[in-house]
């Protein structure tokens, strides 16, 4: 599955929902979409440290937050806070064993530039 993270205007969520429903009807797993209203908001939520954690966790597979912090060479409490936010954003999941994992294999960040006047 691919996670598509984009900067979109308000109301665009309905277009995304329609596309996901079409994919589901075709028997395909729809991509995960996450939208922000501005690039500033997107990069405030998806900091370089959080994107690095996504990549590290994807490479490790299921892991405890403690093991992830150790492999990432970061402070446990900071990794714990970042993972909690990534869970809130739907990019990381916690399983029944309390391990965390990334379900997507690709993250695509999209941002359309303003049209020339």
PDB file of N, CA and C in Angstrom:
ATOM      1  N   UNK A   1       0.849  -1.172   0.000  1.00  0.00           N
ATOM      2  CA  UNK A   1       0.000   0.000   0.000  1.00  0.00           C
ATOM      3  C   UNK A   1       0.894   1.235   0.000  1.00  0.00           C
ATOM      4  N   UNK A   2       0.396   2.270  -0.641  1.00  0.00           N
ATOM      5  CA  UNK A   2       1.112   3.529  -0.719  1.00  0.00           C
ATOM      6  C   UNK A   2       0.407   4.551   0.165  1.00  0.00           C
ATOM      7  N   UNK A   3       1.194   5.357   0.870  1.00  0.00           N
ATOM      8  CA  UNK A   3       0.646   6.490   1.629  1.00  0.00           C
ATOM      9  C   UNK A   3       0.898   7.736   0.798  1.00  0.00           C
ATOM     10  N   UNK A   4      -0.178   8.417   0.448  1.00  0.00           N
ATOM     11  CA  UNK A   4      -0.076   9.648  -0.333  1.00  0.00           C
ATOM     12  C   UNK A   4      -0.374  10.806   0.606  1.00  0.00           C
ATOM     13  N   UNK A   5       0.635  11.633   0.795  1.00  0.00           N
ATOM     14  CA  UNK A   5       0.527  12.777   1.692  1.00  0.00           C
ATOM     15  C   UNK A   5       0.549  14.016   0.817  1.00  0.00           C
ATOM     16  N   UNK A   6      -0.467  14.860   0.961  1.00  0.00           N
ATOM     17  CA  UNK A   6      -0.564  15.982   0.037  1.00  0.00           C
ATOM     18  C   UNK A   6      -1.046  17.255   0.696  1.00  0.00           C
ATOM     19  N   UNK A   7      -0.736  18.328   0.022  1.00  0.00           N
ATOM     20  CA  UNK A   7      -1.250  19.634   0.400  1.00  0.00           C
ATOM     21  C   UNK A   7      -2.441  19.877  -0.517  1.00  0.00           C
ATOM     22  N   UNK A   8      -3.612  20.029   0.065  1.00  0.00           N
ATOM     23  CA  UNK A   8      -4.857  20.202  -0.692  1.00  0.00           C
ATOM     24  C   UNK A   8      -5.729  21.248  -0.044  1.00  0.00           C
ATOM     25  N   UNK A   9      -6.576  21.824  -0.836  1.00  0.00           N
ATOM     26  CA  UNK A   9      -7.509  22.813  -0.296  1.00  0.00           C
ATOM     27  C   UNK A   9      -8.654  22.116   0.426  1.00  0.00           C
ATOM     28  N   UNK A  10      -9.369  22.880   1.217  1.00  0.00           N
ATOM     29  CA  UNK A  10     -10.515  22.333   1.951  1.00  0.00           C
ATOM     30  C   UNK A  10     -11.515  21.737   0.966  1.00  0.00           C
ATOM     31  N   UNK A  11     -12.158  20.650   1.376  1.00  0.00           N
ATOM     32  CA  UNK A  11     -13.179  20.024   0.556  1.00  0.00           C
ATOM     33  C   UNK A  11     -12.650  18.969  -0.391  1.00  0.00           C
ATOM     34  N   UNK A  12     -11.349  18.895  -0.590  1.00  0.00           N
ATOM     35  CA  UNK A  12     -10.785  17.908  -1.517  1.00  0.00           C
ATOM     36  C   UNK A  12     -10.887  16.490  -0.966  1.00  0.00           C
ATOM     37  N   UNK A  13     -11.169  16.365   0.312  1.00  0.00           N
ATOM     38  CA  UNK A  13     -11.291  15.048   0.936  1.00  0.00           C
ATOM     39  C   UNK A  13     -12.401  14.230   0.263  1.00  0.00           C
ATOM     40  N   UNK A  14     -13.413  14.882  -0.279  1.00  0.00           N
ATOM     41  CA  UNK A  14     -14.511  14.160  -0.924  1.00  0.00           C
ATOM     42  C   UNK A  14     -14.043  13.505  -2.230  1.00  0.00           C
ATOM     43  N   UNK A  15     -13.178  14.176  -2.979  1.00  0.00           N
ATOM     44  CA  UNK A  15     -12.623  13.578  -4.195  1.00  0.00           C
ATOM     45  C   UNK A  15     -11.785  12.353  -3.857  1.00  0.00           C
ATOM     46  N   UNK A  16     -11.011  12.441  -2.797  1.00  0.00           N
ATOM     47  CA  UNK A  16     -10.177  11.317  -2.359  1.00  0.00           C
ATOM     48  C   UNK A  16     -11.068  10.151  -1.940  1.00  0.00           C
ATOM     49  N   UNK A  17     -12.111  10.433  -1.197  1.00  0.00           N
ATOM     50  CA  UNK A  17     -13.019   9.377  -0.736  1.00  0.00           C
ATOM     51  C   UNK A  17     -13.681   8.667  -1.914  1.00  0.00           C
ATOM     52  N   UNK A  18     -14.096   9.416  -2.909  1.00  0.00           N
ATOM     53  CA  UNK A  18     -14.709   8.793  -4.094  1.00  0.00           C
ATOM     54  C   UNK A  18     -13.711   7.872  -4.799  1.00  0.00           C
ATOM     55  N   UNK A  19     -12.472   8.307  -4.925  1.00  0.00           N
ATOM     56  CA  UNK A  19     -11.445   7.488  -5.576  1.00  0.00           C
ATOM     57  C   UNK A  19     -11.176   6.215  -4.774  1.00  0.00           C
ATOM     58  N   UNK A  20     -11.166   6.317  -3.447  1.00  0.00           N
ATOM     59  CA  UNK A  20     -10.939   5.136  -2.607  1.00  0.00           C
ATOM     60  C   UNK A  20     -12.087   4.143  -2.725  1.00  0.00           C
ATOM     61  N   UNK A  21     -13.294   4.646  -2.807  1.00  0.00           N
ATOM     62  CA  UNK A  21     -14.455   3.757  -2.969  1.00  0.00           C
ATOM     63  C   UNK A  21     -14.375   3.026  -4.304  1.00  0.00           C
ATOM     64  N   UNK A  22     -13.985   3.730  -5.371  1.00  0.00           N
ATOM     65  CA  UNK A  22     -13.828   3.081  -6.683  1.00  0.00           C
ATOM     66  C   UNK A  22     -12.780   1.969  -6.625  1.00  0.00           C
ATOM     67  N   UNK A  23     -11.661   2.229  -5.966  1.00  0.00           N
ATOM     68  CA  UNK A  23     -10.608   1.215  -5.850  1.00  0.00           C
ATOM     69  C   UNK A  23     -11.106   0.001  -5.066  1.00  0.00           C
ATOM     70  N   UNK A  24     -11.826   0.238  -3.992  1.00  0.00           N
ATOM     71  CA  UNK A  24     -12.349  -0.862  -3.178  1.00  0.00           C
ATOM     72  C   UNK A  24     -13.340  -1.706  -3.980  1.00  0.00           C
ATOM     73  N   UNK A  25     -14.167  -1.062  -4.787  1.00  0.00           N
ATOM     74  CA  UNK A  25     -15.133  -1.798  -5.609  1.00  0.00           C
ATOM     75  C   UNK A  25     -14.437  -2.664  -6.650  1.00  0.00           C
ATOM     76  N   UNK A  26     -13.254  -2.262  -7.069  1.00  0.00           N
ATOM     77  CA  UNK A  26     -12.480  -3.045  -8.036  1.00  0.00           C
ATOM     78  C   UNK A  26     -11.677  -4.147  -7.355  1.00  0.00           C
ATOM     79  N   UNK A  27     -11.809  -4.266  -6.035  1.00  0.00           N
ATOM     80  CA  UNK A  27     -11.110  -5.302  -5.295  1.00  0.00           C
ATOM     81  C   UNK A  27      -9.668  -4.965  -4.972  1.00  0.00           C
ATOM     82  N   UNK A  28      -9.279  -3.720  -5.151  1.00  0.00           N
ATOM     83  CA  UNK A  28      -7.918  -3.291  -4.843  1.00  0.00           C
ATOM     84  C   UNK A  28      -7.884  -2.578  -3.506  1.00  0.00           C
ATOM     85  N   UNK A  29      -6.784  -2.754  -2.806  1.00  0.00           N
ATOM     86  CA  UNK A  29      -6.624  -2.028  -1.549  1.00  0.00           C
ATOM     87  C   UNK A  29      -6.341  -0.566  -1.891  1.00  0.00           C
ATOM     88  N   UNK A  30      -7.181   0.343  -1.424  1.00  0.00           N
ATOM     89  CA  UNK A  30      -6.951   1.752  -1.762  1.00  0.00           C
ATOM     90  C   UNK A  30      -5.721   2.301  -1.043  1.00  0.00           C
ATOM     91  N   UNK A  31      -5.082   3.280  -1.680  1.00  0.00           N
ATOM     92  CA  UNK A  31      -3.960   3.958  -1.046  1.00  0.00           C
ATOM     93  C   UNK A  31      -4.460   4.734   0.164  1.00  0.00           C
ATOM     94  N   UNK A  32      -3.574   4.948   1.109  1.00  0.00           N
ATOM     95  CA  UNK A  32      -3.891   5.755   2.282  1.00  0.00           C
ATOM     96  C   UNK A  32      -3.594   7.211   1.936  1.00  0.00           C
ATOM     97  N   UNK A  33      -4.564   8.086   2.139  1.00  0.00           N
ATOM     98  CA  UNK A  33      -4.411   9.510   1.838  1.00  0.00           C
ATOM     99  C   UNK A  33      -4.412  10.322   3.122  1.00  0.00           C
ATOM    100  N   UNK A  34      -3.502  11.260   3.176  1.00  0.00           N
ATOM    101  CA  UNK A  34      -3.401  12.174   4.313  1.00  0.00           C
ATOM    102  C   UNK A  34      -3.198  13.568   3.730  1.00  0.00           C
ATOM    103  N   UNK A  35      -4.105  14.476   4.049  1.00  0.00           N
ATOM    104  CA  UNK A  35      -4.056  15.822   3.461  1.00  0.00           C
ATOM    105  C   UNK A  35      -3.830  16.883   4.522  1.00  0.00           C
ATOM    106  N   UNK A  36      -3.084  17.897   4.139  1.00  0.00           N
ATOM    107  CA  UNK A  36      -2.838  19.073   4.966  1.00  0.00           C
ATOM    108  C   UNK A  36      -3.199  20.307   4.151  1.00  0.00           C
ATOM    109  N   UNK A  37      -3.589  21.378   4.841  1.00  0.00           N
ATOM    110  CA  UNK A  37      -4.005  22.594   4.145  1.00  0.00           C
ATOM    111  C   UNK A  37      -2.847  23.453   3.693  1.00  0.00           C
ATOM    112  N   UNK A  38      -1.649  23.216   4.232  1.00  0.00           N
ATOM    113  CA  UNK A  38      -0.493  24.005   3.813  1.00  0.00           C
ATOM    114  C   UNK A  38       0.773  23.176   3.948  1.00  0.00           C
ATOM    115  N   UNK A  39       1.791  23.576   3.196  1.00  0.00           N
ATOM    116  CA  UNK A  39       3.091  22.907   3.305  1.00  0.00           C
ATOM    117  C   UNK A  39       3.666  23.119   4.698  1.00  0.00           C
ATOM    118  N   UNK A  40       3.421  24.272   5.270  1.00  0.00           N
ATOM    119  CA  UNK A  40       3.912  24.567   6.623  1.00  0.00           C
ATOM    120  C   UNK A  40       3.349  23.559   7.624  1.00  0.00           C
ATOM    121  N   UNK A  41       2.059  23.265   7.533  1.00  0.00           N
ATOM    122  CA  UNK A  41       1.422  22.303   8.438  1.00  0.00           C
ATOM    123  C   UNK A  41       1.944  20.890   8.177  1.00  0.00           C
ATOM    124  N   UNK A  42       2.060  20.531   6.914  1.00  0.00           N
ATOM    125  CA  UNK A  42       2.561  19.204   6.561  1.00  0.00           C
ATOM    126  C   UNK A  42       3.930  18.964   7.182  1.00  0.00           C
ATOM    127  N   UNK A  43       4.846  19.920   7.006  1.00  0.00           N
ATOM    128  CA  UNK A  43       6.207  19.701   7.497  1.00  0.00           C
ATOM    129  C   UNK A  43       6.354  19.965   8.998  1.00  0.00           C
ATOM    130  N   UNK A  44       5.362  20.580   9.606  1.00  0.00           N
ATOM    131  CA  UNK A  44       5.361  20.671  11.063  1.00  0.00           C
ATOM    132  C   UNK A  44       4.982  19.312  11.665  1.00  0.00           C
ATOM    133  N   UNK A  45       4.100  18.593  10.993  1.00  0.00           N
ATOM    134  CA  UNK A  45       3.668  17.270  11.458  1.00  0.00           C
ATOM    135  C   UNK A  45       4.631  16.164  11.037  1.00  0.00           C
ATOM    136  N   UNK A  46       5.108  16.236   9.813  1.00  0.00           N
ATOM    137  CA  UNK A  46       6.007  15.209   9.297  1.00  0.00           C
ATOM    138  C   UNK A  46       7.416  15.782   9.206  1.00  0.00           C
ATOM    139  N   UNK A  47       8.017  15.891  10.360  1.00  0.00           N
ATOM    140  CA  UNK A  47       9.369  16.435  10.463  1.00  0.00           C
ATOM    141  C   UNK A  47      10.372  15.447   9.863  1.00  0.00           C
ATOM    142  N   UNK A  48      11.565  15.906   9.544  1.00  0.00           N
ATOM    143  CA  UNK A  48      12.581  14.965   9.065  1.00  0.00           C
ATOM    144  C   UNK A  48      12.822  13.808  10.044  1.00  0.00           C
ATOM    145  N   UNK A  49      12.788  14.078  11.333  1.00  0.00           N
ATOM    146  CA  UNK A  49      12.987  13.011  12.325  1.00  0.00           C
ATOM    147  C   UNK A  49      11.869  11.973  12.250  1.00  0.00           C
ATOM    148  N   UNK A  50      10.636  12.402  12.050  1.00  0.00           N
ATOM    149  CA  UNK A  50       9.512  11.458  11.951  1.00  0.00           C
ATOM    150  C   UNK A  50       9.581  10.662  10.653  1.00  0.00           C
ATOM    151  N   UNK A  51       9.962  11.323   9.564  1.00  0.00           N
ATOM    152  CA  UNK A  51      10.115  10.597   8.303  1.00  0.00           C
ATOM    153  C   UNK A  51      11.244   9.578   8.404  1.00  0.00           C
ATOM    154  N   UNK A  52      12.327   9.936   9.081  1.00  0.00           N
ATOM    155  CA  UNK A  52      13.418   8.983   9.306  1.00  0.00           C
ATOM    156  C   UNK A  52      12.936   7.788  10.133  1.00  0.00           C
ATOM    157  N   UNK A  53      12.108   8.049  11.148  1.00  0.00           N
ATOM    158  CA  UNK A  53      11.565   6.947  11.957  1.00  0.00           C
ATOM    159  C   UNK A  53      10.710   6.015  11.110  1.00  0.00           C
ATOM    160  N   UNK A  54       9.885   6.576  10.225  1.00  0.00           N
ATOM    161  CA  UNK A  54       9.070   5.744   9.333  1.00  0.00           C
ATOM    162  C   UNK A  54       9.964   4.812   8.520  1.00  0.00           C
ATOM    163  N   UNK A  55      11.015   5.374   7.966  1.00  0.00           N
ATOM    164  CA  UNK A  55      11.929   4.584   7.144  1.00  0.00           C
ATOM    165  C   UNK A  55      12.646   3.517   7.968  1.00  0.00           C
ATOM    166  N   UNK A  56      13.123   3.879   9.136  1.00  0.00           N
ATOM    167  CA  UNK A  56      13.812   2.926  10.005  1.00  0.00           C
ATOM    168  C   UNK A  56      12.867   1.812  10.432  1.00  0.00           C
ATOM    169  N   UNK A  57      11.658   2.176  10.840  1.00  0.00           N
ATOM    170  CA  UNK A  57      10.683   1.177  11.287  1.00  0.00           C
ATOM    171  C   UNK A  57      10.271   0.268  10.141  1.00  0.00           C
ATOM    172  N   UNK A  58      10.107   0.805   8.957  1.00  0.00           N
ATOM    173  CA  UNK A  58       9.759  -0.026   7.797  1.00  0.00           C
ATOM    174  C   UNK A  58      10.858  -1.060   7.540  1.00  0.00           C
ATOM    175  N   UNK A  59      12.109  -0.640   7.680  1.00  0.00           N
ATOM    176  CA  UNK A  59      13.231  -1.549   7.480  1.00  0.00           C
ATOM    177  C   UNK A  59      13.332  -2.619   8.552  1.00  0.00           C
ATOM    178  N   UNK A  60      12.917  -2.282   9.770  1.00  0.00           N
ATOM    179  CA  UNK A  60      12.981  -3.234  10.885  1.00  0.00           C
ATOM    180  C   UNK A  60      11.827  -4.221  10.871  1.00  0.00           C
ATOM    181  N   UNK A  61      10.685  -3.799  10.390  1.00  0.00           N
ATOM    182  CA  UNK A  61       9.466  -4.582  10.543  1.00  0.00           C
ATOM    183  C   UNK A  61       8.874  -4.276  11.912  1.00  0.00           C
ATOM    184  N   UNK A  62       8.003  -5.120  12.409  1.00  0.00           N
ATOM    185  CA  UNK A  62       7.394  -4.892  13.718  1.00  0.00           C
ATOM    186  C   UNK A  62       8.472  -4.737  14.776  1.00  0.00           C
ATOM    187  N   UNK A  63       8.241  -3.781  15.669  1.00  0.00           N
ATOM    188  CA  UNK A  63       9.260  -3.500  16.676  1.00  0.00           C
ATOM    189  C   UNK A  63       8.624  -2.832  17.884  1.00  0.00           C
ATOM    190  N   UNK A  64       9.311  -2.926  18.998  1.00  0.00           N
ATOM    191  CA  UNK A  64       8.912  -2.128  20.158  1.00  0.00           C
ATOM    192  C   UNK A  64       9.458  -0.714  19.951  1.00  0.00           C
ATOM    193  N   UNK A  65       8.866   0.239  20.624  1.00  0.00           N
ATOM    194  CA  UNK A  65       9.348   1.614  20.527  1.00  0.00           C
ATOM    195  C   UNK A  65      10.759   1.704  21.105  1.00  0.00           C
ATOM    196  N   UNK A  66      11.021   0.941  22.154  1.00  0.00           N
ATOM    197  CA  UNK A  66      12.349   0.936  22.759  1.00  0.00           C
ATOM    198  C   UNK A  66      13.414   0.478  21.755  1.00  0.00           C
ATOM    199  N   UNK A  67      13.138  -0.634  21.063  1.00  0.00           N
ATOM    200  CA  UNK A  67      14.099  -1.151  20.073  1.00  0.00           C
ATOM    201  C   UNK A  67      14.267  -0.167  18.920  1.00  0.00           C
ATOM    202  N   UNK A  68      13.181   0.463  18.513  1.00  0.00           N
ATOM    203  CA  UNK A  68      13.245   1.465  17.446  1.00  0.00           C
ATOM    204  C   UNK A  68      14.131   2.636  17.860  1.00  0.00           C
ATOM    205  N   UNK A  69      13.959   3.117  19.080  1.00  0.00           N
ATOM    206  CA  UNK A  69      14.775   4.230  19.577  1.00  0.00           C
ATOM    207  C   UNK A  69      16.246   3.849  19.593  1.00  0.00           C
ATOM    208  N   UNK A  70      16.517   2.623  19.989  1.00  0.00           N
ATOM    209  CA  UNK A  70      17.898   2.152  20.055  1.00  0.00           C
ATOM    210  C   UNK A  70      18.527   2.104  18.659  1.00  0.00           C
ATOM    211  N   UNK A  71      17.803   1.528  17.697  1.00  0.00           N
ATOM    212  CA  UNK A  71      18.317   1.435  16.326  1.00  0.00           C
ATOM    213  C   UNK A  71      18.458   2.828  15.703  1.00  0.00           C
ATOM    214  N   UNK A  72      17.500   3.719  15.990  1.00  0.00           N
ATOM    215  CA  UNK A  72      17.535   5.073  15.432  1.00  0.00           C
ATOM    216  C   UNK A  72      18.572   5.958  16.118  1.00  0.00           C
ATOM    217  N   UNK A  73      19.065   5.516  17.281  1.00  0.00           N
ATOM    218  CA  UNK A  73      20.046   6.308  18.021  1.00  0.00           C
ATOM    219  C   UNK A  73      19.450   7.573  18.604  1.00  0.00           C
ATOM    220  N   UNK A  74      18.178   7.473  19.014  1.00  0.00           N
ATOM    221  CA  UNK A  74      17.466   8.629  19.556  1.00  0.00           C
ATOM    222  C   UNK A  74      16.965   8.337  20.955  1.00  0.00           C
ATOM    223  N   UNK A  75      16.639   9.388  21.668  1.00  0.00           N
ATOM    224  CA  UNK A  75      16.090   9.311  23.012  1.00  0.00           C
ATOM    225  C   UNK A  75      14.725   8.619  22.968  1.00  0.00           C
ATOM    226  N   UNK A  76      14.501   7.674  23.899  1.00  0.00           N
ATOM    227  CA  UNK A  76      13.251   6.912  23.924  1.00  0.00           C
ATOM    228  C   UNK A  76      12.024   7.810  24.012  1.00  0.00           C
ATOM    229  N   UNK A  77      12.029   8.798  24.900  1.00  0.00           N
ATOM    230  CA  UNK A  77      10.820   9.618  25.084  1.00  0.00           C
ATOM    231  C   UNK A  77      10.497  10.425  23.826  1.00  0.00           C
ATOM    232  N   UNK A  78      11.515  10.881  23.101  1.00  0.00           N
ATOM    233  CA  UNK A  78      11.265  11.606  21.852  1.00  0.00           C
ATOM    234  C   UNK A  78      10.709  10.676  20.777  1.00  0.00           C
ATOM    235  N   UNK A  79      11.258   9.471  20.691  1.00  0.00           N
ATOM    236  CA  UNK A  79      10.754   8.493  19.726  1.00  0.00           C
ATOM    237  C   UNK A  79       9.329   8.097  20.087  1.00  0.00           C
ATOM    238  N   UNK A  80       9.065   7.908  21.371  1.00  0.00           N
ATOM    239  CA  UNK A  80       7.719   7.553  21.824  1.00  0.00           C
ATOM    240  C   UNK A  80       6.715   8.631  21.412  1.00  0.00           C
ATOM    241  N   UNK A  81       7.064   9.898  21.605  1.00  0.00           N
ATOM    242  CA  UNK A  81       6.170  10.998  21.228  1.00  0.00           C
ATOM    243  C   UNK A  81       5.980  11.050  19.714  1.00  0.00           C
ATOM    244  N   UNK A  82       7.055  10.859  18.963  1.00  0.00           N
ATOM    245  CA  UNK A  82       6.940  10.882  17.500  1.00  0.00           C
ATOM    246  C   UNK A  82       6.097   9.721  16.986  1.00  0.00           C
ATOM    247  N   UNK A  83       6.281   8.539  17.550  1.00  0.00           N
ATOM    248  CA  UNK A  83       5.489   7.379  17.129  1.00  0.00           C
ATOM    249  C   UNK A  83       4.020   7.585  17.480  1.00  0.00           C
ATOM    250  N   UNK A  84       3.746   8.155  18.646  1.00  0.00           N
ATOM    251  CA  UNK A  84       2.347   8.435  19.021  1.00  0.00           C
ATOM    252  C   UNK A  84       1.694   9.355  17.995  1.00  0.00           C
ATOM    253  N   UNK A  85       2.428  10.355  17.529  1.00  0.00           N
ATOM    254  CA  UNK A  85       1.868  11.283  16.531  1.00  0.00           C
ATOM    255  C   UNK A  85       1.701  10.580  15.190  1.00  0.00           C
ATOM    256  N   UNK A  86       2.657   9.741  14.807  1.00  0.00           N
ATOM    257  CA  UNK A  86       2.533   9.002  13.550  1.00  0.00           C
ATOM    258  C   UNK A  86       1.369   8.014  13.594  1.00  0.00           C
ATOM    259  N   UNK A  87       1.081   7.476  14.768  1.00  0.00           N
ATOM    260  CA  UNK A  87      -0.102   6.623  14.932  1.00  0.00           C
ATOM    261  C   UNK A  87      -1.361   7.470  14.749  1.00  0.00           C
ATOM    262  N   UNK A  88      -1.396   8.650  15.380  1.00  0.00           N
ATOM    263  CA  UNK A  88      -2.547   9.553  15.227  1.00  0.00           C
ATOM    264  C   UNK A  88      -2.791   9.916  13.764  1.00  0.00           C
ATOM    265  N   UNK A  89      -1.712  10.071  13.008  1.00  0.00           N
ATOM    266  CA  UNK A  89      -1.820  10.433  11.592  1.00  0.00           C
ATOM    267  C   UNK A  89      -2.150   9.227  10.704  1.00  0.00           C
ATOM    268  N   UNK A  90      -2.122   8.029  11.271  1.00  0.00           N
ATOM    269  CA  UNK A  90      -2.470   6.827  10.522  1.00  0.00           C
ATOM    270  C   UNK A  90      -1.337   6.220   9.715  1.00  0.00           C
ATOM    271  N   UNK A  91      -0.109   6.667   9.946  1.00  0.00           N
ATOM    272  CA  UNK A  91       1.029   6.148   9.196  1.00  0.00           C
ATOM    273  C   UNK A  91       1.714   4.971   9.886  1.00  0.00           C
ATOM    274  N   UNK A  92       1.466   4.818  11.176  1.00  0.00           N
ATOM    275  CA  UNK A  92       2.020   3.709  11.965  1.00  0.00           C
ATOM    276  C   UNK A  92       0.865   3.074  12.720  1.00  0.00           C
ATOM    277  N   UNK A  93       0.928   1.763  12.888  1.00  0.00           N
ATOM    278  CA  UNK A  93      -0.102   1.038  13.642  1.00  0.00           C
ATOM    279  C   UNK A  93       0.552   0.281  14.787  1.00  0.00           C
ATOM    280  N   UNK A  94      -0.206   0.128  15.860  1.00  0.00           N
ATOM    281  CA  UNK A  94       0.234  -0.664  17.002  1.00  0.00           C
ATOM    282  C   UNK A  94      -0.567  -1.964  16.972  1.00  0.00           C
ATOM    283  N   UNK A  95       0.120  -3.101  17.093  1.00  0.00           N
ATOM    284  CA  UNK A  95      -0.594  -4.376  17.057  1.00  0.00           C
ATOM    285  C   UNK A  95      -0.902  -4.862  18.470  1.00  0.00           C
ATOM    286  N   UNK A  96      -1.503  -6.034  18.582  1.00  0.00           N
ATOM    287  CA  UNK A  96      -1.909  -6.582  19.870  1.00  0.00           C
ATOM    288  C   UNK A  96      -0.761  -6.845  20.832  1.00  0.00           C
ATOM    289  N   UNK A  97       0.426  -7.053  20.304  1.00  0.00           N
ATOM    290  CA  UNK A  97       1.602  -7.295  21.155  1.00  0.00           C
ATOM    291  C   UNK A  97       2.264  -5.995  21.583  1.00  0.00           C
ATOM    292  N   UNK A  98       1.622  -4.868  21.295  1.00  0.00           N
ATOM    293  CA  UNK A  98       2.128  -3.535  21.621  1.00  0.00           C
ATOM    294  C   UNK A  98       3.335  -3.137  20.764  1.00  0.00           C
ATOM    295  N   UNK A  99       3.603  -3.886  19.704  1.00  0.00           N
ATOM    296  CA  UNK A  99       4.657  -3.516  18.756  1.00  0.00           C
ATOM    297  C   UNK A  99       4.067  -2.538  17.749  1.00  0.00           C
ATOM    298  N   UNK A 100       4.936  -1.754  17.151  1.00  0.00           N
ATOM    299  CA  UNK A 100       4.493  -0.796  16.137  1.00  0.00           C
ATOM    300  C   UNK A 100       5.035  -1.223  14.783  1.00  0.00           C
ATOM    301  N   UNK A 101       4.316  -0.837  13.726  1.00  0.00           N
ATOM    302  CA  UNK A 101       4.752  -1.168  12.376  1.00  0.00           C
ATOM    303  C   UNK A 101       4.184  -0.175  11.368  1.00  0.00           C
ATOM    304  N   UNK A 102       4.865  -0.088  10.245  1.00  0.00           N
ATOM    305  CA  UNK A 102       4.427   0.750   9.133  1.00  0.00           C
ATOM    306  C   UNK A 102       3.751  -0.177   8.136  1.00  0.00           C
ATOM    307  N   UNK A 103       2.512   0.123   7.764  1.00  0.00           N
ATOM    308  CA  UNK A 103       1.774  -0.731   6.839  1.00  0.00           C
ATOM    309  C   UNK A 103       2.064  -0.403   5.376  1.00  0.00           C
ATOM    310  N   UNK A 104       2.452   0.817   5.086  1.00  0.00           N
ATOM    311  CA  UNK A 104       2.701   1.198   3.697  1.00  0.00           C
ATOM    312  C   UNK A 104       4.137   0.871   3.314  1.00  0.00           C
ATOM    313  N   UNK A 105       4.361   0.674   2.028  1.00  0.00           N
ATOM    314  CA  UNK A 105       5.721   0.417   1.560  1.00  0.00           C
ATOM    315  C   UNK A 105       6.311   1.624   0.846  1.00  0.00           C
ATOM    316  N   UNK A 106       5.473   2.613   0.568  1.00  0.00           N
ATOM    317  CA  UNK A 106       5.911   3.822  -0.111  1.00  0.00           C
ATOM    318  C   UNK A 106       5.183   5.018   0.475  1.00  0.00           C
ATOM    319  N   UNK A 107       5.902   6.114   0.637  1.00  0.00           N
ATOM    320  CA  UNK A 107       5.292   7.380   1.039  1.00  0.00           C
ATOM    321  C   UNK A 107       5.550   8.358  -0.090  1.00  0.00           C
ATOM    322  N   UNK A 108       4.472   8.939  -0.584  1.00  0.00           N
ATOM    323  CA  UNK A 108       4.566   9.906  -1.675  1.00  0.00           C
ATOM    324  C   UNK A 108       4.028  11.245  -1.165  1.00  0.00           C
ATOM    325  N   UNK A 109       4.860  12.275  -1.249  1.00  0.00           N
ATOM    326  CA  UNK A 109       4.437  13.607  -0.808  1.00  0.00           C
ATOM    327  C   UNK A 109       4.178  14.451  -2.044  1.00  0.00           C
ATOM    328  N   UNK A 110       2.944  14.994  -2.143  1.00  0.00           N
ATOM    329  CA  UNK A 110       2.541  15.787  -3.311  1.00  0.00           C
ATOM    330  C   UNK A 110       2.162  17.203  -2.888  1.00  0.00           C
ATOM    331  N   UNK A 111       2.600  18.131  -3.708  1.00  0.00           N
ATOM    332  CA  UNK A 111       2.213  19.522  -3.471  1.00  0.00           C
ATOM    333  C   UNK A 111       2.159  20.228  -4.814  1.00  0.00           C
ATOM    334  N   UNK A 112       0.974  20.661  -5.209  1.00  0.00           N
ATOM    335  CA  UNK A 112       0.835  21.416  -6.449  1.00  0.00           C
ATOM    336  C   UNK A 112       1.262  22.842  -6.217  1.00  0.00           C
ATOM    337  N   UNK A 113       1.972  23.388  -7.181  1.00  0.00           N
ATOM    338  CA  UNK A 113       2.393  24.776  -7.093  1.00  0.00           C
ATOM    339  C   UNK A 113       1.301  25.685  -7.650  1.00  0.00           C
ATOM    340  N   UNK A 114       1.316  26.938  -7.245  1.00  0.00           N
ATOM    341  CA  UNK A 114       0.314  27.904  -7.709  1.00  0.00           C
ATOM    342  C   UNK A 114       0.417  28.089  -9.222  1.00  0.00           C
ATOM    343  N   UNK A 115      -0.709  28.335  -9.850  1.00  0.00           N
ATOM    344  CA  UNK A 115      -0.749  28.595 -11.281  1.00  0.00           C
ATOM    345  C   UNK A 115      -0.289  30.013 -11.575  1.00  0.00           C
ATOM    346  N   UNK A 116       0.427  30.188 -12.660  1.00  0.00           N
ATOM    347  CA  UNK A 116       0.872  31.525 -13.057  1.00  0.00           C
ATOM    348  C   UNK A 116      -0.343  32.373 -13.426  1.00  0.00           C
ATOM    349  N   UNK A 117      -0.273  33.632 -13.100  1.00  0.00           N
ATOM    350  CA  UNK A 117      -1.401  34.538 -13.379  1.00  0.00           C
ATOM    351  C   UNK A 117      -1.470  34.936 -14.813  1.00  0.00           C
TER     352      UNK A 117
END
